[in-house]
PDB file of N, CA and C in Angstrom:
ATOM      1  N   GLY A   1     -18.591  36.964  20.284  1.00  0.00           N
ATOM      2  CA  GLY A   1     -17.175  37.072  20.303  1.00  0.00           C
ATOM      3  C   GLY A   1     -16.551  36.075  21.269  1.00  0.00           C
ATOM      4  N   SER A   2     -15.348  36.391  21.650  1.00  0.00           N
ATOM      5  CA  SER A   2     -14.593  35.473  22.508  1.00  0.00           C
ATOM      6  C   SER A   2     -15.206  35.348  23.901  1.00  0.00           C
ATOM      7  N   GLU A   3     -15.861  36.412  24.411  1.00  0.00           N
ATOM      8  CA  GLU A   3     -16.528  36.311  25.717  1.00  0.00           C
ATOM      9  C   GLU A   3     -17.641  35.279  25.692  1.00  0.00           C
ATOM     10  N   GLN A   4     -18.377  35.225  24.590  1.00  0.00           N
ATOM     11  CA  GLN A   4     -19.461  34.246  24.458  1.00  0.00           C
ATOM     12  C   GLN A   4     -18.898  32.825  24.459  1.00  0.00           C
ATOM     13  N   TRP A   5     -17.795  32.624  23.755  1.00  0.00           N
ATOM     14  CA  TRP A   5     -17.176  31.305  23.732  1.00  0.00           C
ATOM     15  C   TRP A   5     -16.661  30.929  25.119  1.00  0.00           C
ATOM     16  N   GLU A   6     -16.039  31.877  25.806  1.00  0.00           N
ATOM     17  CA  GLU A   6     -15.534  31.601  27.148  1.00  0.00           C
ATOM     18  C   GLU A   6     -16.667  31.214  28.090  1.00  0.00           C
ATOM     19  N   GLU A   7     -17.793  31.909  28.005  1.00  0.00           N
ATOM     20  CA  GLU A   7     -18.953  31.566  28.828  1.00  0.00           C
ATOM     21  C   GLU A   7     -19.470  30.174  28.479  1.00  0.00           C
ATOM     22  N   PHE A   8     -19.504  29.851  27.191  1.00  0.00           N
ATOM     23  CA  PHE A   8     -19.948  28.533  26.739  1.00  0.00           C
ATOM     24  C   PHE A   8     -19.079  27.433  27.354  1.00  0.00           C
ATOM     25  N   TRP A   9     -17.757  27.573  27.245  1.00  0.00           N
ATOM     26  CA  TRP A   9     -16.870  26.536  27.779  1.00  0.00           C
ATOM     27  C   TRP A   9     -16.937  26.459  29.294  1.00  0.00           C
ATOM     28  N   ARG A  10     -17.100  27.594  29.968  1.00  0.00           N
ATOM     29  CA  ARG A  10     -17.264  27.574  31.437  1.00  0.00           C
ATOM     30  C   ARG A  10     -18.528  26.807  31.819  1.00  0.00           C
ATOM     31  N   THR A  11     -19.614  27.042  31.102  1.00  0.00           N
ATOM     32  CA  THR A  11     -20.864  26.337  31.386  1.00  0.00           C
ATOM     33  C   THR A  11     -20.699  24.839  31.161  1.00  0.00           C
ATOM     34  N   LEU A  12     -20.045  24.457  30.059  1.00  0.00           N
ATOM     35  CA  LEU A  12     -19.828  23.039  29.794  1.00  0.00           C
ATOM     36  C   LEU A  12     -18.984  22.394  30.886  1.00  0.00           C
ATOM     37  N   ASP A  13     -17.977  23.113  31.367  1.00  0.00           N
ATOM     38  CA  ASP A  13     -17.187  22.597  32.493  1.00  0.00           C
ATOM     39  C   ASP A  13     -18.082  22.407  33.721  1.00  0.00           C
ATOM     40  N   ALA A  14     -18.953  23.389  33.981  1.00  0.00           N
ATOM     41  CA  ALA A  14     -19.818  23.353  35.164  1.00  0.00           C
ATOM     42  C   ALA A  14     -20.818  22.207  35.123  1.00  0.00           C
ATOM     43  N   VAL A  15     -21.296  21.834  33.939  1.00  0.00           N
ATOM     44  CA  VAL A  15     -22.268  20.737  33.850  1.00  0.00           C
ATOM     45  C   VAL A  15     -21.585  19.378  33.700  1.00  0.00           C
ATOM     46  N   GLY A  16     -20.253  19.378  33.720  1.00  0.00           N
ATOM     47  CA  GLY A  16     -19.518  18.112  33.687  1.00  0.00           C
ATOM     48  C   GLY A  16     -19.497  17.423  32.341  1.00  0.00           C
ATOM     49  N   VAL A  17     -19.570  18.188  31.262  1.00  0.00           N
ATOM     50  CA  VAL A  17     -19.660  17.592  29.933  1.00  0.00           C
ATOM     51  C   VAL A  17     -18.489  16.661  29.624  1.00  0.00           C
ATOM     52  N   TRP A  18     -17.303  16.962  30.158  1.00  0.00           N
ATOM     53  CA  TRP A  18     -16.123  16.150  29.834  1.00  0.00           C
ATOM     54  C   TRP A  18     -16.170  14.765  30.470  1.00  0.00           C
ATOM     55  N   SER A  19     -17.099  14.552  31.383  1.00  0.00           N
ATOM     56  CA  SER A  19     -17.227  13.222  31.991  1.00  0.00           C
ATOM     57  C   SER A  19     -18.474  12.489  31.516  1.00  0.00           C
ATOM     58  N   TRP A  20     -19.140  13.023  30.501  1.00  0.00           N
ATOM     59  CA  TRP A  20     -20.311  12.323  29.974  1.00  0.00           C
ATOM     60  C   TRP A  20     -19.898  10.978  29.392  1.00  0.00           C
ATOM     61  N   ALA A  21     -20.788  10.008  29.516  1.00  0.00           N
ATOM     62  CA  ALA A  21     -20.556   8.675  28.954  1.00  0.00           C
ATOM     63  C   ALA A  21     -20.551   8.755  27.428  1.00  0.00           C
ATOM     64  N   SER A  22     -20.008   7.744  26.800  1.00  0.00           N
ATOM     65  CA  SER A  22     -19.985   7.735  25.335  1.00  0.00           C
ATOM     66  C   SER A  22     -21.371   7.449  24.756  1.00  0.00           C
ATOM     67  N   HIS A  23     -22.230   6.780  25.541  1.00  0.00           N
ATOM     68  CA  HIS A  23     -23.557   6.452  25.014  1.00  0.00           C
ATOM     69  C   HIS A  23     -24.599   6.407  26.138  1.00  0.00           C
ATOM     70  N   TYR A  24     -25.757   6.964  25.838  1.00  0.00           N
ATOM     71  CA  TYR A  24     -26.922   6.929  26.727  1.00  0.00           C
ATOM     72  C   TYR A  24     -28.045   6.285  25.937  1.00  0.00           C
ATOM     73  N   ASP A  25     -28.678   5.280  26.528  1.00  0.00           N
ATOM     74  CA  ASP A  25     -29.685   4.539  25.776  1.00  0.00           C
ATOM     75  C   ASP A  25     -30.872   4.186  26.655  1.00  0.00           C
ATOM     76  N   ASN A  26     -32.043   4.282  26.085  1.00  0.00           N
ATOM     77  CA  ASN A  26     -33.270   3.831  26.720  1.00  0.00           C
ATOM     78  C   ASN A  26     -33.868   2.796  25.778  1.00  0.00           C
ATOM     79  N   PRO A  27     -33.551   1.505  25.963  1.00  0.00           N
ATOM     80  CA  PRO A  27     -33.960   0.476  25.009  1.00  0.00           C
ATOM     81  C   PRO A  27     -35.465   0.202  24.975  1.00  0.00           C
ATOM     82  N   GLY A  28     -36.205   0.771  25.921  1.00  0.00           N
ATOM     83  CA  GLY A  28     -37.643   0.538  25.944  1.00  0.00           C
ATOM     84  C   GLY A  28     -38.421   1.367  24.930  1.00  0.00           C
ATOM     85  N   ILE A  29     -37.741   2.244  24.219  1.00  0.00           N
ATOM     86  CA  ILE A  29     -38.407   3.116  23.253  1.00  0.00           C
ATOM     87  C   ILE A  29     -37.735   2.949  21.897  1.00  0.00           C
ATOM     88  N   CYS A  30     -38.532   2.649  20.881  1.00  0.00           N
ATOM     89  CA  CYS A  30     -37.983   2.413  19.540  1.00  0.00           C
ATOM     90  C   CYS A  30     -37.948   3.678  18.685  1.00  0.00           C
ATOM     91  N   ASP A  31     -38.696   4.684  19.057  1.00  0.00           N
ATOM     92  CA  ASP A  31     -38.764   5.922  18.297  1.00  0.00           C
ATOM     93  C   ASP A  31     -38.408   7.049  19.253  1.00  0.00           C
ATOM     94  N   GLY A  32     -38.261   8.244  18.779  1.00  0.00           N
ATOM     95  CA  GLY A  32     -38.033   9.352  19.696  1.00  0.00           C
ATOM     96  C   GLY A  32     -36.877  10.228  19.296  1.00  0.00           C
ATOM     97  N   THR A  33     -36.021  10.521  20.286  1.00  0.00           N
ATOM     98  CA  THR A  33     -34.949  11.485  20.092  1.00  0.00           C
ATOM     99  C   THR A  33     -33.589  10.810  20.108  1.00  0.00           C
ATOM    100  N   GLN A  34     -32.841  11.009  19.039  1.00  0.00           N
ATOM    101  CA  GLN A  34     -31.462  10.558  18.981  1.00  0.00           C
ATOM    102  C   GLN A  34     -30.590  11.813  18.870  1.00  0.00           C
ATOM    103  N   TRP A  35     -29.454  11.787  19.517  1.00  0.00           N
ATOM    104  CA  TRP A  35     -28.563  12.942  19.495  1.00  0.00           C
ATOM    105  C   TRP A  35     -27.120  12.473  19.512  1.00  0.00           C
ATOM    106  N   SER A  36     -26.223  13.331  19.060  1.00  0.00           N
ATOM    107  CA  SER A  36     -24.800  13.036  19.142  1.00  0.00           C
ATOM    108  C   SER A  36     -24.041  14.355  19.316  1.00  0.00           C
ATOM    109  N   LEU A  37     -22.908  14.259  19.969  1.00  0.00           N
ATOM    110  CA  LEU A  37     -22.103  15.433  20.265  1.00  0.00           C
ATOM    111  C   LEU A  37     -20.636  15.057  20.165  1.00  0.00           C
ATOM    112  N   LYS A  38     -19.883  15.875  19.470  1.00  0.00           N
ATOM    113  CA  LYS A  38     -18.434  15.705  19.380  1.00  0.00           C
ATOM    114  C   LYS A  38     -17.813  17.055  19.700  1.00  0.00           C
ATOM    115  N   LEU A  39     -16.961  17.108  20.725  1.00  0.00           N
ATOM    116  CA  LEU A  39     -16.331  18.343  21.171  1.00  0.00           C
ATOM    117  C   LEU A  39     -14.833  18.157  21.326  1.00  0.00           C
ATOM    118  N   SER A  40     -14.101  19.213  21.042  1.00  0.00           N
ATOM    119  CA  SER A  40     -12.673  19.283  21.333  1.00  0.00           C
ATOM    120  C   SER A  40     -12.387  20.695  21.797  1.00  0.00           C
ATOM    121  N   HIS A  41     -11.712  20.803  22.933  1.00  0.00           N
ATOM    122  CA  HIS A  41     -11.361  22.125  23.457  1.00  0.00           C
ATOM    123  C   HIS A  41     -10.253  21.998  24.489  1.00  0.00           C
ATOM    124  N   ALA A  42      -9.248  22.833  24.362  1.00  0.00           N
ATOM    125  CA  ALA A  42      -8.162  22.914  25.334  1.00  0.00           C
ATOM    126  C   ALA A  42      -7.556  21.538  25.643  1.00  0.00           C
ATOM    127  N   GLY A  43      -7.338  20.753  24.608  1.00  0.00           N
ATOM    128  CA  GLY A  43      -6.723  19.447  24.781  1.00  0.00           C
ATOM    129  C   GLY A  43      -7.649  18.352  25.258  1.00  0.00           C
ATOM    130  N   ARG A  44      -8.926  18.666  25.434  1.00  0.00           N
ATOM    131  CA  ARG A  44      -9.900  17.654  25.853  1.00  0.00           C
ATOM    132  C   ARG A  44     -10.803  17.297  24.675  1.00  0.00           C
ATOM    133  N   HIS A  45     -11.264  16.059  24.671  1.00  0.00           N
ATOM    134  CA  HIS A  45     -12.105  15.584  23.582  1.00  0.00           C
ATOM    135  C   HIS A  45     -13.269  14.788  24.159  1.00  0.00           C
ATOM    136  N   LEU A  46     -14.401  14.882  23.489  1.00  0.00           N
ATOM    137  CA  LEU A  46     -15.585  14.139  23.921  1.00  0.00           C
ATOM    138  C   LEU A  46     -16.377  13.702  22.704  1.00  0.00           C
ATOM    139  N   ARG A  47     -16.835  12.475  22.763  1.00  0.00           N
ATOM    140  CA  ARG A  47     -17.805  11.952  21.821  1.00  0.00           C
ATOM    141  C   ARG A  47     -18.883  11.291  22.649  1.00  0.00           C
ATOM    142  N   SER A  48     -20.116  11.779  22.530  1.00  0.00           N
ATOM    143  CA  SER A  48     -21.218  11.234  23.309  1.00  0.00           C
ATOM    144  C   SER A  48     -22.453  11.206  22.426  1.00  0.00           C
ATOM    145  N   GLU A  49     -23.315  10.232  22.664  1.00  0.00           N
ATOM    146  CA  GLU A  49     -24.541  10.128  21.876  1.00  0.00           C
ATOM    147  C   GLU A  49     -25.606   9.455  22.723  1.00  0.00           C
ATOM    148  N   GLY A  50     -26.830   9.556  22.261  1.00  0.00           N
ATOM    149  CA  GLY A  50     -27.900   8.922  23.005  1.00  0.00           C
ATOM    150  C   GLY A  50     -29.125   8.653  22.166  1.00  0.00           C
ATOM    151  N   SER A  51     -29.934   7.751  22.688  1.00  0.00           N
ATOM    152  CA  SER A  51     -31.218   7.415  22.085  1.00  0.00           C
ATOM    153  C   SER A  51     -32.252   7.389  23.200  1.00  0.00           C
ATOM    154  N   ASN A  52     -33.024   8.460  23.266  1.00  0.00           N
ATOM    155  CA  ASN A  52     -34.078   8.595  24.276  1.00  0.00           C
ATOM    156  C   ASN A  52     -33.568   8.562  25.710  1.00  0.00           C
ATOM    157  N   ALA A  53     -32.317   8.921  25.893  1.00  0.00           N
ATOM    158  CA  ALA A  53     -31.711   9.067  27.213  1.00  0.00           C
ATOM    159  C   ALA A  53     -30.637  10.143  27.093  1.00  0.00           C
ATOM    160  N   PHE A  54     -30.360  10.808  28.210  1.00  0.00           N
ATOM    161  CA  PHE A  54     -29.516  11.999  28.176  1.00  0.00           C
ATOM    162  C   PHE A  54     -28.661  12.059  29.436  1.00  0.00           C
ATOM    163  N   PRO A  55     -27.535  12.772  29.394  1.00  0.00           N
ATOM    164  CA  PRO A  55     -26.758  12.966  30.622  1.00  0.00           C
ATOM    165  C   PRO A  55     -27.621  13.647  31.684  1.00  0.00           C
ATOM    166  N   GLY A  56     -27.766  12.996  32.810  1.00  0.00           N
ATOM    167  CA  GLY A  56     -28.582  13.540  33.883  1.00  0.00           C
ATOM    168  C   GLY A  56     -30.043  13.137  33.822  1.00  0.00           C
ATOM    169  N   ALA A  57     -30.430  12.347  32.814  1.00  0.00           N
ATOM    170  CA  ALA A  57     -31.827  11.911  32.688  1.00  0.00           C
ATOM    171  C   ALA A  57     -31.880  10.586  31.941  1.00  0.00           C
ATOM    172  N   PRO A  58     -32.485   9.557  32.526  1.00  0.00           N
ATOM    173  CA  PRO A  58     -32.562   8.267  31.849  1.00  0.00           C
ATOM    174  C   PRO A  58     -33.514   8.274  30.657  1.00  0.00           C
ATOM    175  N   GLY A  59     -34.287   9.357  30.500  1.00  0.00           N
ATOM    176  CA  GLY A  59     -35.144   9.526  29.337  1.00  0.00           C
ATOM    177  C   GLY A  59     -36.477   8.865  29.480  1.00  0.00           C
ATOM    178  N   PRO A  60     -37.345   9.085  28.539  1.00  0.00           N
ATOM    179  CA  PRO A  60     -37.115   9.840  27.305  1.00  0.00           C
ATOM    180  C   PRO A  60     -37.201  11.357  27.481  1.00  0.00           C
ATOM    181  N   ASP A  61     -37.638  11.820  28.636  1.00  0.00           N
ATOM    182  CA  ASP A  61     -37.727  13.256  28.878  1.00  0.00           C
ATOM    183  C   ASP A  61     -36.632  13.679  29.840  1.00  0.00           C
ATOM    184  N   TYR A  62     -36.318  14.959  29.837  1.00  0.00           N
ATOM    185  CA  TYR A  62     -35.320  15.472  30.771  1.00  0.00           C
ATOM    186  C   TYR A  62     -35.815  16.782  31.365  1.00  0.00           C
ATOM    187  N   SER A  63     -35.395  17.051  32.601  1.00  0.00           N
ATOM    188  CA  SER A  63     -35.806  18.275  33.281  1.00  0.00           C
ATOM    189  C   SER A  63     -34.920  19.433  32.839  1.00  0.00           C
ATOM    190  N   ARG A  64     -35.377  20.635  33.103  1.00  0.00           N
ATOM    191  CA  ARG A  64     -34.596  21.830  32.746  1.00  0.00           C
ATOM    192  C   ARG A  64     -33.311  21.945  33.556  1.00  0.00           C
ATOM    193  N   SER A  65     -33.236  21.211  34.662  1.00  0.00           N
ATOM    194  CA  SER A  65     -32.053  21.314  35.514  1.00  0.00           C
ATOM    195  C   SER A  65     -30.998  20.250  35.212  1.00  0.00           C
ATOM    196  N   CYS A  66     -31.297  19.271  34.374  1.00  0.00           N
ATOM    197  CA  CYS A  66     -30.316  18.213  34.110  1.00  0.00           C
ATOM    198  C   CYS A  66     -29.181  18.750  33.237  1.00  0.00           C
ATOM    199  N   ALA A  67     -28.075  18.040  33.235  1.00  0.00           N
ATOM    200  CA  ALA A  67     -26.867  18.466  32.516  1.00  0.00           C
ATOM    201  C   ALA A  67     -27.137  18.681  31.034  1.00  0.00           C
ATOM    202  N   PHE A  68     -27.922  17.808  30.426  1.00  0.00           N
ATOM    203  CA  PHE A  68     -28.181  17.933  28.991  1.00  0.00           C
ATOM    204  C   PHE A  68     -28.961  19.207  28.691  1.00  0.00           C
ATOM    205  N   ALA A  69     -29.961  19.520  29.499  1.00  0.00           N
ATOM    206  CA  ALA A  69     -30.749  20.740  29.296  1.00  0.00           C
ATOM    207  C   ALA A  69     -29.881  21.978  29.480  1.00  0.00           C
ATOM    208  N   GLN A  70     -28.987  21.953  30.446  1.00  0.00           N
ATOM    209  CA  GLN A  70     -28.098  23.092  30.665  1.00  0.00           C
ATOM    210  C   GLN A  70     -27.128  23.267  29.498  1.00  0.00           C
ATOM    211  N   PHE A  71     -26.684  22.147  28.924  1.00  0.00           N
ATOM    212  CA  PHE A  71     -25.849  22.211  27.724  1.00  0.00           C
ATOM    213  C   PHE A  71     -26.620  22.891  26.585  1.00  0.00           C
ATOM    214  N   LEU A  72     -27.879  22.508  26.390  1.00  0.00           N
ATOM    215  CA  LEU A  72     -28.674  23.107  25.321  1.00  0.00           C
ATOM    216  C   LEU A  72     -28.876  24.610  25.533  1.00  0.00           C
ATOM    217  N   VAL A  73     -29.070  25.030  26.774  1.00  0.00           N
ATOM    218  CA  VAL A  73     -29.203  26.459  27.074  1.00  0.00           C
ATOM    219  C   VAL A  73     -27.915  27.185  26.667  1.00  0.00           C
ATOM    220  N   ALA A  74     -26.766  26.626  27.029  1.00  0.00           N
ATOM    221  CA  ALA A  74     -25.485  27.237  26.673  1.00  0.00           C
ATOM    222  C   ALA A  74     -25.312  27.309  25.157  1.00  0.00           C
ATOM    223  N   LEU A  75     -25.729  26.265  24.461  1.00  0.00           N
ATOM    224  CA  LEU A  75     -25.621  26.237  23.008  1.00  0.00           C
ATOM    225  C   LEU A  75     -26.541  27.273  22.364  1.00  0.00           C
ATOM    226  N   ARG A  76     -27.752  27.415  22.908  1.00  0.00           N
ATOM    227  CA  ARG A  76     -28.679  28.444  22.407  1.00  0.00           C
ATOM    228  C   ARG A  76     -28.097  29.840  22.604  1.00  0.00           C
ATOM    229  N   LYS A  77     -27.514  30.087  23.768  1.00  0.00           N
ATOM    230  CA  LYS A  77     -26.915  31.402  24.040  1.00  0.00           C
ATOM    231  C   LYS A  77     -25.785  31.701  23.061  1.00  0.00           C
ATOM    232  N   LEU A  78     -24.980  30.693  22.771  1.00  0.00           N
ATOM    233  CA  LEU A  78     -23.833  30.875  21.890  1.00  0.00           C
ATOM    234  C   LEU A  78     -24.270  31.103  20.447  1.00  0.00           C
ATOM    235  N   THR A  79     -25.238  30.311  19.996  1.00  0.00           N
ATOM    236  CA  THR A  79     -25.602  30.332  18.579  1.00  0.00           C
ATOM    237  C   THR A  79     -26.811  31.203  18.261  1.00  0.00           C
ATOM    238  N   GLY A  80     -27.676  31.443  19.255  1.00  0.00           N
ATOM    239  CA  GLY A  80     -28.911  32.164  18.989  1.00  0.00           C
ATOM    240  C   GLY A  80     -29.961  31.309  18.309  1.00  0.00           C
ATOM    241  N   PHE A  81     -29.674  30.020  18.157  1.00  0.00           N
ATOM    242  CA  PHE A  81     -30.589  29.105  17.487  1.00  0.00           C
ATOM    243  C   PHE A  81     -31.672  28.667  18.469  1.00  0.00           C
ATOM    244  N   SER A  82     -32.876  29.159  18.301  1.00  0.00           N
ATOM    245  CA  SER A  82     -33.934  28.947  19.283  1.00  0.00           C
ATOM    246  C   SER A  82     -34.670  27.617  19.123  1.00  0.00           C
ATOM    247  N   GLU A  83     -34.407  26.882  18.074  1.00  0.00           N
ATOM    248  CA  GLU A  83     -35.106  25.616  17.855  1.00  0.00           C
ATOM    249  C   GLU A  83     -34.588  24.480  18.715  1.00  0.00           C
ATOM    250  N   LEU A  84     -33.460  24.673  19.380  1.00  0.00           N
ATOM    251  CA  LEU A  84     -32.922  23.642  20.268  1.00  0.00           C
ATOM    252  C   LEU A  84     -33.835  23.488  21.456  1.00  0.00           C
ATOM    253  N   GLN A  85     -34.167  22.268  21.812  1.00  0.00           N
ATOM    254  CA  GLN A  85     -35.054  22.028  22.957  1.00  0.00           C
ATOM    255  C   GLN A  85     -34.447  21.042  23.904  1.00  0.00           C
TER     256      GLN A  85
END
């Protein structure tokens, strides 16, 4: 419900999602993980993407404490989709 959404947006604010760069890239890797995110909420907008690099981690791996991992945790809580890593 609305409490879950409110928690999601609070978490995104806490991890600084609105200040993420438009692109994160690790040019040393030709294969791997590509991601993209487009958000709009409360008059704010974000478009961010990456290739083997993530907010808070130059890649190709990221720690559980980095901003991108915290975003994924919030998304899992909101959606219940456990395949997000």
